Amino acid sequence: MEGTPREVVLELYRLWSEQGIEAAIAHVSPEIEWIEPEEVIGHESRHGIDGAFEGFTSWTESYDDYGGDITEVEDNGDDVLVHFIQRGRPRGGTKEVKEPVYHLWTVRDGLAVRMQIFFDVESARTALHAAER
């Protein structure tokens, strides 16, 4: 995928929204590292395209009608922090949930090589601005 890291990441969200996760995942590095928040029970780090796909589906499968909106994007070199308001109705529930989540992407050579999820904006910003991760 061509473009700046910000453009690459925004294109991944566009593909996900318009064509589904398979279309977006097809444009990440085969070596991608997918890191879930430590606060999530059973959190994992996953690797590769299959790992990213499993991470995404395990994150969203507990919801009916999962979706969301980007509210802000920050970048620092190859790293892009997406402020995302996720929404959906927990499977079996009747009330929609809306909550912020923060996705920190690292892009190299036009491909996402890392994605880490945070619930806390300050932790996400600290990671965005860390000299080495």
Protein backbone atom coordinates (compact mmCIF):
# COMPACT_ATOMS: atom_id res chain seq x y z
CA MET A 1 0.00 0.00 0.00
CA GLU A 2 1.42 3.40 -0.92
CA GLY A 3 1.36 6.56 1.17
CA THR A 4 2.38 7.96 4.51
CA PRO A 5 1.84 5.85 7.63
CA ARG A 6 -1.27 7.93 8.39
CA GLU A 7 -2.67 7.34 4.89
CA VAL A 8 -1.98 3.60 5.11
CA VAL A 9 -3.78 3.29 8.45
CA LEU A 10 -6.77 5.34 7.33
CA GLU A 11 -7.01 3.20 4.20
CA LEU A 12 -7.14 0.08 6.41
CA TYR A 13 -10.15 1.50 8.26
CA ARG A 14 -11.81 2.46 4.97
CA LEU A 15 -11.33 -1.05 3.60
CA TRP A 16 -12.68 -2.57 6.82
CA SER A 17 -15.73 -0.30 6.73
CA GLU A 18 -16.53 -0.77 3.05
CA GLN A 19 -15.36 -4.31 2.28
CA GLY A 20 -14.82 -6.11 5.59
CA ILE A 21 -11.92 -7.17 7.73
CA GLU A 22 -10.59 -9.61 5.13
CA ALA A 23 -9.96 -6.71 2.71
CA ALA A 24 -8.16 -4.67 5.36
CA ILE A 25 -6.09 -7.55 6.76
CA ALA A 26 -4.91 -8.41 3.24
CA HIS A 27 -2.97 -5.12 3.30
CA VAL A 28 -0.94 -5.63 6.47
CA SER A 29 2.49 -7.19 6.83
CA PRO A 30 2.59 -10.98 6.97
CA GLU A 31 4.70 -10.42 10.12
CA ILE A 32 2.22 -8.11 11.91
CA GLU A 33 2.14 -8.19 15.70
CA TRP A 34 -1.36 -7.67 17.20
CA ILE A 35 -1.35 -6.78 20.91
CA GLU A 36 -4.49 -6.72 23.04
CA PRO A 37 -4.86 -4.60 26.20
CA GLU A 38 -3.58 -6.17 29.41
CA GLU A 39 -6.91 -5.29 31.04
CA VAL A 40 -8.74 -7.81 28.85
CA ILE A 41 -9.16 -11.23 30.42
CA GLY A 42 -7.21 -13.71 28.35
CA HIS A 43 -5.42 -10.93 26.45
CA GLU A 44 -2.94 -12.12 23.88
CA SER A 45 -0.30 -10.99 21.49
CA ARG A 46 -0.84 -12.53 18.08
CA HIS A 47 1.40 -12.69 15.07
CA GLY A 48 0.93 -12.78 11.33
CA ILE A 49 -2.12 -12.31 9.13
CA ASP A 50 -3.97 -15.18 10.82
CA GLY A 51 -3.16 -13.75 14.25
CA ALA A 52 -4.43 -10.31 13.26
CA PHE A 53 -7.61 -11.83 11.85
CA GLU A 54 -8.13 -13.88 15.05
CA GLY A 55 -7.46 -10.79 17.19
CA PHE A 56 -9.98 -8.72 15.31
CA THR A 57 -12.68 -11.38 15.25
CA SER A 58 -12.22 -12.30 18.93
CA TRP A 59 -12.51 -8.59 19.77
CA THR A 60 -15.71 -8.06 17.77
CA GLU A 61 -17.49 -11.42 18.02
CA SER A 62 -18.89 -10.65 21.46
CA TYR A 63 -20.97 -7.88 19.85
CA ASP A 64 -23.90 -7.75 17.47
CA ASP A 65 -23.61 -4.88 15.01
CA TYR A 66 -20.03 -3.93 15.97
CA GLY A 67 -18.70 -0.74 14.41
CA GLY A 68 -17.19 2.56 15.25
CA ASP A 69 -15.88 5.93 14.22
CA ILE A 70 -12.47 7.56 14.15
CA THR A 71 -12.53 10.75 16.20
CA GLU A 72 -8.87 11.77 16.06
CA VAL A 73 -5.57 10.66 14.52
CA GLU A 74 -2.12 11.45 15.92
CA ASP A 75 1.14 10.41 14.34
CA ASN A 76 4.82 10.30 15.18
CA GLY A 77 7.00 9.03 12.35
CA ASP A 78 5.99 5.47 11.52
CA ASP A 79 3.51 5.32 14.43
CA VAL A 80 -0.14 6.32 14.11
CA LEU A 81 -2.57 6.55 17.03
CA VAL A 82 -6.24 6.25 16.11
CA HIS A 83 -8.84 7.41 18.63
CA PHE A 84 -11.79 5.15 17.92
CA ILE A 85 -15.27 5.13 19.43
CA GLN A 86 -16.40 1.52 19.25
CA ARG A 87 -20.05 0.72 19.42
CA GLY A 88 -22.25 -2.31 19.34
CA ARG A 89 -24.75 -4.31 21.26
CA PRO A 90 -23.18 -7.03 23.40
CA ARG A 91 -24.31 -10.40 22.06
CA GLY A 92 -27.60 -11.30 23.73
CA GLY A 93 -28.04 -7.77 25.11
CA THR A 94 -30.53 -5.08 24.22
CA LYS A 95 -28.59 -1.89 24.92
CA GLU A 96 -25.91 -0.44 22.62
CA VAL A 97 -22.51 0.26 24.14
CA LYS A 98 -20.27 3.15 23.03
CA GLU A 99 -16.75 3.46 24.40
CA PRO A 100 -13.40 4.86 23.34
CA VAL A 101 -10.52 2.62 22.43
CA TYR A 102 -7.10 3.60 21.06
CA HIS A 103 -5.29 1.73 18.29
CA LEU A 104 -1.56 2.34 17.95
CA TRP A 105 -0.27 1.23 14.55
CA THR A 106 3.30 1.02 13.30
CA VAL A 107 3.75 1.17 9.53
CA ARG A 108 6.91 0.31 7.61
CA ASP A 109 7.33 0.18 3.86
CA GLY A 110 3.61 0.80 3.34
CA LEU A 111 2.42 -2.08 5.55
CA ALA A 112 1.17 -2.21 9.12
CA VAL A 113 3.68 -4.25 11.14
CA ARG A 114 2.23 -3.72 14.62
CA MET A 115 -1.12 -2.82 16.21
CA GLN A 116 -1.59 -2.34 19.92
CA ILE A 117 -4.92 -1.62 21.60
CA PHE A 118 -5.31 0.65 24.63
CA PHE A 119 -8.28 1.70 26.76
CA ASP A 120 -6.44 4.66 28.30
CA VAL A 121 -5.53 7.63 26.08
CA GLU A 122 -2.55 8.65 28.22
CA SER A 123 -0.99 5.18 28.01
CA ALA A 124 -1.59 5.19 24.25
CA ARG A 125 0.03 8.63 23.87
CA THR A 126 2.99 7.58 26.01
CA ALA A 127 3.52 4.58 23.74
CA LEU A 128 3.13 6.78 20.65
CA HIS A 129 5.90 9.07 21.83
CA ALA A 130 8.20 6.41 23.28
CA ALA A 131 11.61 6.47 21.63
CA GLU A 132 11.79 2.68 21.46
CA ARG A 133 9.07 0.08 21.78
